């Protein structure tokens, strides 16, 4: 009865007394393997399968962590949203296979351009998000421009047609948020700046507060 109750409460295994050392070691190895598998599955669930970047769920958690760090210690951070310009026309003209190849190349370029404490993510569709850690103001703009310049170097070949990439982007540095740094506020601010970049003709970076 006690064993059944323990299992019902969440126990995954049990050992009877007197303890057999060999059995104990074997059960510990099994428990460690199970934990490693669970940890791997949990990590895989947070990775975008096409680009290998973190996905939207991971981005939301990272933004919350950055906001919390800013509130506790004043640590700066900036968030940029990136949209691949006219991506639908690429799919319509060359097919989704070429579109996927372009997104994979964009993901690799973004990852290559990020520092160890930046967090690149695929926001969804043809949109990406990057949290620039420990920077704001002019330094954040320099980091954003460096990353966007790397994206312009991408070329994917469809038959005899080389396909480049242009992007619109919106940047929200923590020092430009008037009402304080909150995760949703930073996301909305970057999204608003991205919208302004599209409205202004695309292929450009817009920074909130400017």
N, C-alpha and C. Protein backbone atom coordinates (compact mmCIF):
# COMPACT_ATOMS: atom_id res chain seq x y z
N UNK A 1 0.83 -1.20 0.00
CA UNK A 1 0.00 0.00 0.00
C UNK A 1 0.87 1.26 0.00
N UNK A 2 1.88 1.27 0.87
CA UNK A 2 2.76 2.44 0.94
C UNK A 2 3.52 2.63 -0.38
N UNK A 3 3.95 1.52 -0.99
CA UNK A 3 4.67 1.60 -2.25
C UNK A 3 3.77 2.16 -3.34
N UNK A 4 2.53 1.66 -3.41
CA UNK A 4 1.59 2.15 -4.41
C UNK A 4 1.31 3.63 -4.21
N UNK A 5 1.18 4.06 -2.97
CA UNK A 5 0.92 5.46 -2.68
C UNK A 5 2.11 6.32 -3.11
N UNK A 6 3.33 5.82 -2.86
CA UNK A 6 4.53 6.57 -3.24
C UNK A 6 4.62 6.73 -4.75
N UNK A 7 4.32 5.64 -5.48
CA UNK A 7 4.35 5.72 -6.94
C UNK A 7 3.28 6.67 -7.47
N UNK A 8 2.11 6.63 -6.85
CA UNK A 8 1.03 7.55 -7.26
C UNK A 8 1.41 9.00 -7.02
N UNK A 9 2.25 9.25 -6.01
CA UNK A 9 2.66 10.63 -5.68
C UNK A 9 3.81 11.13 -6.54
N UNK A 10 4.35 10.26 -7.42
CA UNK A 10 5.40 10.73 -8.33
C UNK A 10 6.71 9.98 -8.26
N UNK A 11 6.86 9.04 -7.36
CA UNK A 11 8.09 8.25 -7.30
C UNK A 11 8.23 7.45 -8.59
N UNK A 12 9.44 7.28 -9.06
CA UNK A 12 9.68 6.55 -10.31
C UNK A 12 10.32 5.19 -10.08
N UNK A 13 10.79 4.94 -8.89
CA UNK A 13 11.44 3.67 -8.61
C UNK A 13 11.47 3.45 -7.11
N UNK A 14 11.91 2.29 -6.70
CA UNK A 14 11.99 2.01 -5.27
C UNK A 14 13.08 0.97 -5.02
N UNK A 15 13.60 0.94 -3.82
CA UNK A 15 14.61 -0.03 -3.41
C UNK A 15 14.17 -0.62 -2.07
N UNK A 16 14.18 -1.94 -2.00
CA UNK A 16 13.78 -2.59 -0.77
C UNK A 16 15.00 -2.81 0.13
N UNK A 17 14.76 -2.80 1.41
CA UNK A 17 15.82 -3.10 2.38
C UNK A 17 15.82 -4.60 2.66
N UNK A 18 16.98 -5.16 2.95
CA UNK A 18 18.30 -4.52 2.96
C UNK A 18 18.77 -4.18 1.55
N UNK A 19 19.52 -3.08 1.43
CA UNK A 19 19.93 -2.57 0.13
C UNK A 19 21.06 -3.43 -0.43
N UNK A 20 20.90 -3.82 -1.67
CA UNK A 20 21.95 -4.53 -2.41
C UNK A 20 22.77 -3.49 -3.17
N UNK A 21 24.05 -3.32 -2.88
CA UNK A 21 24.86 -2.27 -3.52
C UNK A 21 24.87 -2.35 -5.04
N UNK A 22 24.91 -3.57 -5.59
CA UNK A 22 24.94 -3.70 -7.05
C UNK A 22 23.62 -3.24 -7.65
N UNK A 23 22.51 -3.65 -7.01
CA UNK A 23 21.20 -3.22 -7.48
C UNK A 23 21.05 -1.71 -7.36
N UNK A 24 21.55 -1.13 -6.27
CA UNK A 24 21.45 0.31 -6.07
C UNK A 24 22.18 1.06 -7.17
N UNK A 25 23.40 0.63 -7.49
CA UNK A 25 24.17 1.29 -8.54
C UNK A 25 23.45 1.19 -9.90
N UNK A 26 22.88 0.03 -10.17
CA UNK A 26 22.17 -0.16 -11.44
C UNK A 26 20.96 0.76 -11.53
N UNK A 27 20.21 0.88 -10.44
CA UNK A 27 19.02 1.73 -10.45
C UNK A 27 19.40 3.21 -10.58
N UNK A 28 20.51 3.61 -9.97
CA UNK A 28 20.99 4.99 -10.10
C UNK A 28 21.37 5.28 -11.55
N UNK A 29 22.04 4.32 -12.20
CA UNK A 29 22.41 4.52 -13.61
C UNK A 29 21.17 4.67 -14.48
N UNK A 30 20.15 3.87 -14.21
CA UNK A 30 18.91 3.97 -14.97
C UNK A 30 18.26 5.33 -14.75
N UNK A 31 18.24 5.80 -13.50
CA UNK A 31 17.64 7.10 -13.19
C UNK A 31 18.39 8.22 -13.89
N UNK A 32 19.72 8.13 -13.94
CA UNK A 32 20.51 9.16 -14.61
C UNK A 32 20.25 9.16 -16.13
N UNK A 33 20.13 7.96 -16.70
CA UNK A 33 19.82 7.88 -18.13
C UNK A 33 18.45 8.48 -18.43
N UNK A 34 17.50 8.21 -17.57
CA UNK A 34 16.16 8.77 -17.76
C UNK A 34 16.19 10.28 -17.68
N UNK A 35 16.95 10.82 -16.72
CA UNK A 35 17.04 12.28 -16.59
C UNK A 35 17.71 12.90 -17.81
N UNK A 36 18.76 12.27 -18.30
CA UNK A 36 19.43 12.80 -19.49
C UNK A 36 18.49 12.82 -20.69
N UNK A 37 17.67 11.76 -20.81
CA UNK A 37 16.72 11.71 -21.92
C UNK A 37 15.67 12.81 -21.80
N UNK A 38 15.16 13.00 -20.58
CA UNK A 38 14.16 14.05 -20.36
C UNK A 38 14.76 15.43 -20.64
N UNK A 39 15.99 15.65 -20.17
CA UNK A 39 16.65 16.94 -20.42
C UNK A 39 16.85 17.17 -21.92
N UNK A 40 17.22 16.11 -22.64
CA UNK A 40 17.44 16.23 -24.08
C UNK A 40 16.13 16.56 -24.79
N UNK A 41 15.07 15.86 -24.41
CA UNK A 41 13.76 16.12 -25.03
C UNK A 41 13.29 17.54 -24.73
N UNK A 42 13.53 17.99 -23.49
CA UNK A 42 13.12 19.34 -23.12
C UNK A 42 13.89 20.37 -23.94
N UNK A 43 15.18 20.13 -24.14
CA UNK A 43 15.98 21.07 -24.93
C UNK A 43 15.56 21.05 -26.39
N UNK A 44 15.32 19.86 -26.94
CA UNK A 44 14.90 19.75 -28.33
C UNK A 44 13.57 20.45 -28.58
N UNK A 45 12.70 20.44 -27.57
CA UNK A 45 11.39 21.09 -27.70
C UNK A 45 11.52 22.60 -27.79
N UNK A 46 12.69 23.14 -27.45
CA UNK A 46 12.90 24.59 -27.48
C UNK A 46 13.74 25.03 -28.68
N UNK A 47 14.03 24.10 -29.59
CA UNK A 47 14.86 24.40 -30.75
C UNK A 47 14.02 24.35 -32.02
N UNK A 48 14.18 25.35 -32.87
CA UNK A 48 13.51 25.36 -34.15
C UNK A 48 14.18 24.35 -35.07
N UNK A 49 13.45 23.36 -35.58
CA UNK A 49 14.08 22.28 -36.35
C UNK A 49 14.68 22.72 -37.68
N UNK A 50 14.18 23.80 -38.28
CA UNK A 50 14.69 24.23 -39.58
C UNK A 50 16.02 24.96 -39.46
N UNK A 51 16.10 25.90 -38.53
CA UNK A 51 17.29 26.75 -38.44
C UNK A 51 18.27 26.33 -37.35
N UNK A 52 17.81 25.55 -36.38
CA UNK A 52 18.67 25.18 -35.26
C UNK A 52 18.77 26.25 -34.19
N UNK A 53 18.06 27.36 -34.37
CA UNK A 53 18.04 28.42 -33.36
C UNK A 53 16.98 28.08 -32.30
N UNK A 54 16.99 28.83 -31.20
CA UNK A 54 15.93 28.69 -30.22
C UNK A 54 14.60 29.09 -30.86
N UNK A 55 13.50 28.53 -30.36
CA UNK A 55 12.19 28.86 -30.90
C UNK A 55 11.50 29.96 -30.10
N UNK A 56 10.24 30.23 -30.43
CA UNK A 56 9.52 31.33 -29.79
C UNK A 56 9.36 31.13 -28.29
N UNK A 57 9.09 29.90 -27.87
CA UNK A 57 8.93 29.64 -26.43
C UNK A 57 10.22 29.96 -25.68
N UNK A 58 11.35 29.56 -26.25
CA UNK A 58 12.64 29.85 -25.62
C UNK A 58 12.91 31.35 -25.60
N UNK A 59 12.51 32.04 -26.67
CA UNK A 59 12.68 33.49 -26.72
C UNK A 59 11.89 34.18 -25.62
N UNK A 60 10.64 33.77 -25.43
CA UNK A 60 9.82 34.38 -24.39
C UNK A 60 10.46 34.21 -23.01
N UNK A 61 10.99 33.02 -22.74
CA UNK A 61 11.66 32.78 -21.46
C UNK A 61 12.91 33.63 -21.32
N UNK A 62 13.67 33.76 -22.42
CA UNK A 62 14.90 34.55 -22.38
C UNK A 62 14.61 36.03 -22.16
N UNK A 63 13.54 36.53 -22.76
CA UNK A 63 13.16 37.93 -22.55
C UNK A 63 12.76 38.17 -21.09
N UNK A 64 12.03 37.23 -20.52
CA UNK A 64 11.66 37.35 -19.10
C UNK A 64 12.90 37.35 -18.21
N UNK A 65 13.87 36.49 -18.54
CA UNK A 65 15.11 36.42 -17.76
C UNK A 65 15.90 37.73 -17.89
N UNK A 66 15.94 38.30 -19.09
CA UNK A 66 16.66 39.56 -19.30
C UNK A 66 15.98 40.70 -18.55
N UNK A 67 14.64 40.71 -18.55
CA UNK A 67 13.91 41.74 -17.81
C UNK A 67 14.15 41.61 -16.32
N UNK A 68 14.19 40.37 -15.83
CA UNK A 68 14.44 40.14 -14.41
C UNK A 68 15.84 40.59 -14.01
N UNK A 69 16.83 40.30 -14.86
CA UNK A 69 18.20 40.72 -14.58
C UNK A 69 18.32 42.24 -14.58
N UNK A 70 17.59 42.88 -15.49
CA UNK A 70 17.61 44.34 -15.55
C UNK A 70 16.99 44.94 -14.28
N UNK A 71 15.91 44.32 -13.81
CA UNK A 71 15.25 44.83 -12.61
C UNK A 71 16.13 44.65 -11.37
N UNK A 72 16.83 43.52 -11.28
CA UNK A 72 17.65 43.23 -10.11
C UNK A 72 18.95 44.03 -10.08
N UNK A 73 19.63 44.09 -11.22
CA UNK A 73 20.99 44.64 -11.24
C UNK A 73 21.18 45.80 -12.20
N UNK A 74 20.13 46.13 -12.99
CA UNK A 74 20.28 47.18 -13.98
C UNK A 74 21.03 46.75 -15.21
N UNK A 75 21.21 45.44 -15.39
CA UNK A 75 21.96 44.94 -16.54
C UNK A 75 21.23 45.28 -17.84
N UNK A 76 21.88 45.96 -18.77
CA UNK A 76 21.20 46.36 -20.02
C UNK A 76 21.01 45.18 -20.96
N UNK A 77 20.09 45.34 -21.88
CA UNK A 77 19.87 44.36 -22.94
C UNK A 77 19.09 45.06 -24.05
N UNK A 78 19.14 44.52 -25.22
CA UNK A 78 18.41 45.07 -26.35
C UNK A 78 17.81 43.92 -27.14
N UNK A 79 16.69 44.20 -27.77
CA UNK A 79 16.00 43.15 -28.53
C UNK A 79 15.72 43.64 -29.94
N UNK A 80 16.09 42.81 -30.92
CA UNK A 80 15.85 43.16 -32.32
C UNK A 80 14.98 42.10 -32.98
N UNK A 81 13.98 42.56 -33.73
CA UNK A 81 13.18 41.69 -34.56
C UNK A 81 13.57 41.90 -36.02
N UNK A 82 13.69 40.80 -36.76
CA UNK A 82 14.14 40.84 -38.14
C UNK A 82 13.11 40.13 -39.01
N UNK A 83 12.79 40.74 -40.14
CA UNK A 83 11.86 40.14 -41.09
C UNK A 83 12.54 40.07 -42.46
N UNK A 84 12.49 38.90 -43.08
CA UNK A 84 13.07 38.75 -44.42
C UNK A 84 12.13 39.40 -45.43
N UNK A 85 12.62 40.40 -46.13
CA UNK A 85 11.79 41.15 -47.06
C UNK A 85 11.36 40.27 -48.25
N UNK A 86 10.07 40.37 -48.59
CA UNK A 86 9.51 39.72 -49.79
C UNK A 86 9.78 38.21 -49.80
N UNK A 87 9.73 37.59 -48.64
CA UNK A 87 10.03 36.16 -48.58
C UNK A 87 8.96 35.34 -49.31
N UNK A 88 7.73 35.79 -49.27
CA UNK A 88 6.65 35.05 -49.94
C UNK A 88 6.91 34.92 -51.43
N UNK A 89 7.46 35.95 -52.02
CA UNK A 89 7.74 35.90 -53.46
C UNK A 89 8.83 34.87 -53.77
N UNK A 90 9.75 34.66 -52.83
CA UNK A 90 10.78 33.62 -53.02
C UNK A 90 10.12 32.25 -53.07
N UNK A 91 9.22 31.98 -52.11
CA UNK A 91 8.50 30.71 -52.10
C UNK A 91 7.66 30.54 -53.36
N UNK A 92 6.98 31.61 -53.76
CA UNK A 92 6.09 31.53 -54.91
C UNK A 92 6.86 31.32 -56.21
N UNK A 93 8.05 31.92 -56.29
CA UNK A 93 8.82 31.87 -57.54
C UNK A 93 9.70 30.62 -57.64
N UNK A 94 10.35 30.27 -56.51
CA UNK A 94 11.35 29.20 -56.56
C UNK A 94 10.95 27.94 -55.79
N UNK A 95 9.87 28.02 -55.02
CA UNK A 95 9.44 26.86 -54.25
C UNK A 95 9.87 26.95 -52.79
N UNK A 96 9.16 26.17 -51.96
CA UNK A 96 9.43 26.23 -50.52
C UNK A 96 10.78 25.62 -50.14
N UNK A 97 11.30 24.72 -50.99
CA UNK A 97 12.61 24.16 -50.70
C UNK A 97 13.68 25.23 -50.69
N UNK A 98 13.64 26.12 -51.69
CA UNK A 98 14.60 27.23 -51.74
C UNK A 98 14.32 28.20 -50.59
N UNK A 99 13.04 28.40 -50.29
CA UNK A 99 12.71 29.28 -49.16
C UNK A 99 13.28 28.75 -47.87
N UNK A 100 13.16 27.44 -47.65
CA UNK A 100 13.72 26.83 -46.44
C UNK A 100 15.24 26.96 -46.41
N UNK A 101 15.87 26.78 -47.57
CA UNK A 101 17.32 26.92 -47.64
C UNK A 101 17.75 28.34 -47.28
N UNK A 102 16.97 29.31 -47.72
CA UNK A 102 17.27 30.71 -47.41
C UNK A 102 17.13 30.98 -45.92
N UNK A 103 16.10 30.41 -45.30
CA UNK A 103 15.90 30.59 -43.86
C UNK A 103 17.01 29.91 -43.06
N UNK A 104 17.42 28.73 -43.51
CA UNK A 104 18.53 28.05 -42.82
C UNK A 104 19.80 28.88 -42.90
N UNK A 105 20.07 29.43 -44.08
CA UNK A 105 21.26 30.27 -44.24
C UNK A 105 21.17 31.51 -43.37
N UNK A 106 19.98 32.10 -43.30
CA UNK A 106 19.79 33.28 -42.45
C UNK A 106 20.03 32.92 -40.98
N UNK A 107 19.50 31.78 -40.56
CA UNK A 107 19.70 31.36 -39.18
C UNK A 107 21.17 31.18 -38.85
N UNK A 108 21.93 30.56 -39.77
CA UNK A 108 23.35 30.36 -39.53
C UNK A 108 24.11 31.68 -39.50
N UNK A 109 23.74 32.61 -40.37
CA UNK A 109 24.40 33.92 -40.38
C UNK A 109 24.12 34.68 -39.09
N UNK A 110 22.89 34.60 -38.62
CA UNK A 110 22.54 35.27 -37.36
C UNK A 110 23.32 34.65 -36.19
N UNK A 111 23.35 33.33 -36.16
CA UNK A 111 24.08 32.65 -35.08
C UNK A 111 25.56 32.99 -35.11
N UNK A 112 26.14 33.04 -36.32
CA UNK A 112 27.56 33.36 -36.47
C UNK A 112 27.88 34.76 -35.98
N UNK A 113 26.92 35.68 -36.16
CA UNK A 113 27.16 37.08 -35.82
C UNK A 113 26.96 37.38 -34.33
N UNK A 114 26.35 36.46 -33.60
CA UNK A 114 26.04 36.70 -32.20
C UNK A 114 27.22 36.37 -31.29
N UNK A 115 27.32 37.12 -30.22
CA UNK A 115 28.31 36.84 -29.19
C UNK A 115 27.80 35.73 -28.28
N UNK A 116 28.67 35.17 -27.43
CA UNK A 116 28.22 34.06 -26.56
C UNK A 116 27.05 34.42 -25.66
N UNK A 117 26.92 35.70 -25.29
CA UNK A 117 25.84 36.08 -24.39
C UNK A 117 24.66 36.73 -25.12
N UNK A 118 24.62 36.64 -26.45
CA UNK A 118 23.43 37.01 -27.21
C UNK A 118 22.56 35.77 -27.40
N UNK A 119 21.28 35.98 -27.65
CA UNK A 119 20.35 34.86 -27.82
C UNK A 119 19.59 35.03 -29.13
N UNK A 120 19.98 34.28 -30.17
CA UNK A 120 19.26 34.33 -31.44
C UNK A 120 18.13 33.31 -31.47
N UNK A 121 16.99 33.69 -32.00
CA UNK A 121 15.82 32.81 -32.05
C UNK A 121 15.10 32.98 -33.38
N UNK A 122 14.38 31.95 -33.76
CA UNK A 122 13.43 32.09 -34.86
C UNK A 122 12.08 32.42 -34.25
N UNK A 123 11.59 33.60 -34.55
CA UNK A 123 10.34 34.07 -33.97
C UNK A 123 9.16 33.33 -34.57
N UNK A 124 9.26 33.02 -35.86
CA UNK A 124 8.20 32.31 -36.55
C UNK A 124 8.18 32.72 -38.01
N UNK A 125 7.87 31.79 -38.91
CA UNK A 125 7.83 32.11 -40.33
C UNK A 125 9.17 32.65 -40.81
N UNK A 126 9.14 33.84 -41.39
CA UNK A 126 10.37 34.46 -41.88
C UNK A 126 10.87 35.56 -40.93
N UNK A 127 10.50 35.47 -39.67
CA UNK A 127 10.92 36.46 -38.68
C UNK A 127 11.87 35.83 -37.65
N UNK A 128 12.86 36.61 -37.28
CA UNK A 128 13.84 36.19 -36.28
C UNK A 128 13.89 37.23 -35.17
N UNK A 129 14.34 36.80 -34.01
CA UNK A 129 14.53 37.71 -32.88
C UNK A 129 15.91 37.49 -32.28
N UNK A 130 16.54 38.56 -31.85
CA UNK A 130 17.87 38.46 -31.22
C UNK A 130 17.88 39.32 -29.96
N UNK A 131 18.23 38.71 -28.84
CA UNK A 131 18.46 39.46 -27.60
C UNK A 131 19.95 39.74 -27.51
N UNK A 132 20.31 41.00 -27.56
CA UNK A 132 21.71 41.40 -27.38
C UNK A 132 21.95 41.63 -25.90
N UNK A 133 22.73 40.76 -25.28
CA UNK A 133 22.97 40.87 -23.85
C UNK A 133 24.00 41.92 -23.50
N UNK A 134 23.76 42.62 -22.41
CA UNK A 134 24.73 43.53 -21.80
C UNK A 134 25.04 44.76 -22.65
N UNK A 135 24.17 45.10 -23.62
CA UNK A 135 24.39 46.32 -24.41
C UNK A 135 23.08 47.07 -24.60
N UNK A 136 23.20 48.36 -24.79
CA UNK A 136 22.07 49.21 -25.14
C UNK A 136 22.63 50.41 -25.88
N UNK A 137 21.77 51.35 -26.25
CA UNK A 137 22.23 52.57 -26.90
C UNK A 137 23.00 52.32 -28.19
N UNK A 138 24.06 53.09 -28.39
CA UNK A 138 24.85 53.02 -29.61
C UNK A 138 25.51 51.65 -29.79
N UNK A 139 25.95 51.03 -28.68
CA UNK A 139 26.58 49.72 -28.79
C UNK A 139 25.59 48.68 -29.33
N UNK A 140 24.34 48.77 -28.92
CA UNK A 140 23.33 47.85 -29.43
C UNK A 140 23.11 48.07 -30.92
N UNK A 141 23.09 49.32 -31.36
CA UNK A 141 22.92 49.60 -32.78
C UNK A 141 24.08 49.05 -33.60
N UNK A 142 25.28 49.16 -33.08
CA UNK A 142 26.45 48.62 -33.79
C UNK A 142 26.35 47.10 -33.92
N UNK A 143 25.91 46.45 -32.84
CA UNK A 143 25.75 44.99 -32.88
C UNK A 143 24.68 44.60 -33.89
N UNK A 144 23.58 45.35 -33.91
CA UNK A 144 22.49 45.07 -34.84
C UNK A 144 22.93 45.27 -36.29
N UNK A 145 23.63 46.36 -36.55
CA UNK A 145 24.07 46.65 -37.92
C UNK A 145 25.09 45.63 -38.40
N UNK A 146 25.95 45.17 -37.50
CA UNK A 146 26.93 44.14 -37.86
C UNK A 146 26.22 42.84 -38.27
N UNK A 147 25.20 42.48 -37.50
CA UNK A 147 24.45 41.26 -37.80
C UNK A 147 23.70 41.39 -39.13
N UNK A 148 23.05 42.52 -39.35
CA UNK A 148 22.30 42.72 -40.59
C UNK A 148 23.22 42.75 -41.81
N UNK A 149 24.42 43.26 -41.63
CA UNK A 149 25.40 43.27 -42.73
C UNK A 149 25.79 41.84 -43.10
N UNK A 150 25.88 40.98 -42.10
CA UNK A 150 26.20 39.58 -42.35
C UNK A 150 25.10 38.91 -43.18
N UNK A 151 23.86 39.29 -42.92
CA UNK A 151 22.74 38.71 -43.66
C UNK A 151 22.78 39.09 -45.14
N UNK A 152 23.29 40.27 -45.45
CA UNK A 152 23.34 40.70 -46.85
C UNK A 152 24.33 39.87 -47.67
N UNK A 153 25.21 39.13 -47.01
CA UNK A 153 26.21 38.31 -47.71
C UNK A 153 25.66 36.95 -48.14
N UNK A 154 24.45 36.64 -47.72
CA UNK A 154 23.86 35.33 -48.03
C UNK A 154 23.50 35.26 -49.51
N UNK A 155 23.84 34.14 -50.13
CA UNK A 155 23.41 33.86 -51.49
C UNK A 155 23.01 32.39 -51.58
N UNK A 156 21.80 32.16 -52.07
CA UNK A 156 21.29 30.81 -52.31
C UNK A 156 21.03 30.69 -53.80
N UNK A 157 21.43 29.58 -54.39
CA UNK A 157 21.28 29.40 -55.82
C UNK A 157 20.07 28.53 -56.15
N UNK A 158 19.21 29.04 -57.01
CA UNK A 158 18.07 28.28 -57.51
C UNK A 158 18.25 28.12 -59.01
N UNK A 159 18.75 26.95 -59.43
CA UNK A 159 19.10 26.78 -60.84
C UNK A 159 20.27 27.68 -61.17
N UNK A 160 20.05 28.60 -62.08
CA UNK A 160 21.10 29.57 -62.43
C UNK A 160 20.87 30.92 -61.78
N UNK A 161 19.91 30.98 -60.88
CA UNK A 161 19.54 32.27 -60.30
C UNK A 161 20.08 32.40 -58.86
N UNK A 162 21.03 33.29 -58.63
CA UNK A 162 21.47 33.55 -57.26
C UNK A 162 20.44 34.41 -56.53
N UNK A 163 20.08 34.00 -55.35
CA UNK A 163 19.07 34.72 -54.57
C UNK A 163 19.74 35.30 -53.33
N UNK A 164 19.69 36.60 -53.21
CA UNK A 164 20.21 37.26 -52.02
C UNK A 164 19.11 37.48 -51.00
N UNK A 165 19.42 38.25 -50.00
CA UNK A 165 18.45 38.48 -48.94
C UNK A 165 18.52 39.94 -48.49
N UNK A 166 17.35 40.51 -48.28
CA UNK A 166 17.23 41.83 -47.67
C UNK A 166 16.32 41.70 -46.46
N UNK A 167 16.56 42.53 -45.48
CA UNK A 167 15.77 42.42 -44.25
C UNK A 167 15.33 43.79 -43.75
N UNK A 168 14.20 43.78 -43.07
CA UNK A 168 13.76 44.92 -42.28
C UNK A 168 13.91 44.53 -40.82
N UNK A 169 14.27 45.50 -39.98
CA UNK A 169 14.52 45.17 -38.59
C UNK A 169 14.11 46.31 -37.67
N UNK A 170 13.69 45.95 -36.48
CA UNK A 170 13.35 46.92 -35.45
C UNK A 170 14.13 46.61 -34.19
N UNK A 171 14.75 47.62 -33.60
CA UNK A 171 15.60 47.43 -32.43
C UNK A 171 15.05 48.20 -31.23
N UNK A 172 14.97 47.51 -30.10
CA UNK A 172 14.49 48.13 -28.85
C UNK A 172 15.57 47.97 -27.78
N UNK A 173 16.42 49.00 -27.57
CA UNK A 173 17.39 48.96 -26.47
C UNK A 173 16.69 49.26 -25.14
N UNK A 174 17.18 48.67 -24.08
CA UNK A 174 16.52 48.84 -22.78
C UNK A 174 16.52 50.29 -22.31
N UNK A 175 17.53 51.07 -22.69
CA UNK A 175 17.58 52.46 -22.24
C UNK A 175 16.60 53.36 -22.98
N UNK A 176 15.96 52.83 -24.04
CA UNK A 176 14.99 53.62 -24.80
C UNK A 176 13.55 53.34 -24.39
N UNK A 177 13.34 52.41 -23.47
CA UNK A 177 11.99 52.09 -23.01
C UNK A 177 11.58 53.07 -21.92
N UNK A 178 10.58 53.85 -22.19
CA UNK A 178 10.20 54.91 -21.27
C UNK A 178 9.59 54.40 -19.96
N UNK A 179 8.86 53.31 -20.05
CA UNK A 179 8.15 52.81 -18.87
C UNK A 179 8.87 51.67 -18.17
N UNK A 180 10.17 51.55 -18.41
CA UNK A 180 10.92 50.48 -17.78
C UNK A 180 10.98 49.25 -18.67
N UNK A 181 11.86 48.37 -18.31
CA UNK A 181 12.14 47.19 -19.12
C UNK A 181 11.25 46.04 -18.65
N UNK A 182 10.24 45.74 -19.45
CA UNK A 182 9.42 44.54 -19.24
C UNK A 182 9.47 43.74 -20.53
N UNK A 183 9.41 42.42 -20.40
CA UNK A 183 9.59 41.55 -21.56
C UNK A 183 8.61 41.88 -22.68
N UNK A 184 7.33 41.97 -22.35
CA UNK A 184 6.33 42.24 -23.37
C UNK A 184 6.47 43.64 -23.96
N UNK A 185 6.90 44.61 -23.13
CA UNK A 185 7.11 45.96 -23.63
C UNK A 185 8.24 46.00 -24.66
N UNK A 186 9.31 45.26 -24.36
CA UNK A 186 10.43 45.23 -25.29
C UNK A 186 10.04 44.55 -26.59
N UNK A 187 9.28 43.48 -26.50
CA UNK A 187 8.84 42.79 -27.71
C UNK A 187 7.95 43.69 -28.55
N UNK A 188 7.00 44.36 -27.89
CA UNK A 188 6.09 45.25 -28.62
C UNK A 188 6.84 46.42 -29.25
N UNK A 189 7.82 46.95 -28.52
CA UNK A 189 8.58 48.08 -29.04
C UNK A 189 9.38 47.68 -30.27
N UNK A 190 10.03 46.51 -30.23
CA UNK A 190 10.81 46.05 -31.37
C UNK A 190 9.89 45.75 -32.55
N UNK A 191 8.73 45.18 -32.28
CA UNK A 191 7.77 44.88 -33.34
C UNK A 191 7.26 46.17 -33.99
N UNK A 192 7.02 47.19 -33.16
CA UNK A 192 6.58 48.48 -33.69
C UNK A 192 7.65 49.11 -34.57
N UNK A 193 8.91 49.02 -34.14
CA UNK A 193 10.01 49.56 -34.94
C UNK A 193 10.15 48.79 -36.25
N UNK A 194 9.94 47.47 -36.20
CA UNK A 194 9.99 46.66 -37.42
C UNK A 194 8.89 47.09 -38.39
N UNK A 195 7.71 47.34 -37.87
CA UNK A 195 6.60 47.80 -38.72
C UNK A 195 6.96 49.13 -39.39
N UNK A 196 7.59 50.02 -38.65
CA UNK A 196 8.00 51.31 -39.22
C UNK A 196 9.04 51.11 -40.32
N UNK A 197 9.93 50.15 -40.13
CA UNK A 197 10.94 49.86 -41.15
C UNK A 197 10.28 49.39 -42.44
N UNK A 198 9.26 48.56 -42.31
CA UNK A 198 8.54 48.08 -43.50
C UNK A 198 7.80 49.24 -44.18
N UNK A 199 7.16 50.06 -43.37
CA UNK A 199 6.40 51.18 -43.92
C UNK A 199 7.30 52.19 -44.62
N UNK A 200 8.54 52.28 -44.17
CA UNK A 200 9.48 53.26 -44.75
C UNK A 200 10.17 52.75 -46.01
N UNK A 201 9.81 51.54 -46.44
CA UNK A 201 10.39 51.03 -47.68
C UNK A 201 11.18 49.75 -47.56
N UNK A 202 11.24 49.18 -46.35
CA UNK A 202 11.96 47.92 -46.09
C UNK A 202 13.46 48.09 -46.26
N UNK A 203 14.17 46.97 -46.03
CA UNK A 203 15.63 46.93 -46.17
C UNK A 203 16.31 48.01 -45.33
N UNK A 204 15.91 48.06 -44.06
CA UNK A 204 16.50 49.07 -43.16
C UNK A 204 16.25 48.69 -41.71
N UNK A 205 17.00 49.35 -40.84
CA UNK A 205 16.88 49.18 -39.39
C UNK A 205 16.26 50.43 -38.81
N UNK A 206 15.23 50.25 -37.97
CA UNK A 206 14.61 51.35 -37.24
C UNK A 206 14.81 51.08 -35.75
N UNK A 207 15.28 52.09 -35.04
CA UNK A 207 15.51 51.99 -33.61
C UNK A 207 14.48 52.82 -32.87
N UNK A 208 13.85 52.26 -31.86
CA UNK A 208 12.84 53.02 -31.13
C UNK A 208 13.49 54.23 -30.47
N UNK A 209 12.76 55.31 -30.40
CA UNK A 209 13.28 56.53 -29.79
C UNK A 209 14.03 57.40 -30.76
N UNK A 210 14.12 56.97 -32.00
CA UNK A 210 14.86 57.78 -33.00
C UNK A 210 13.96 58.09 -34.19
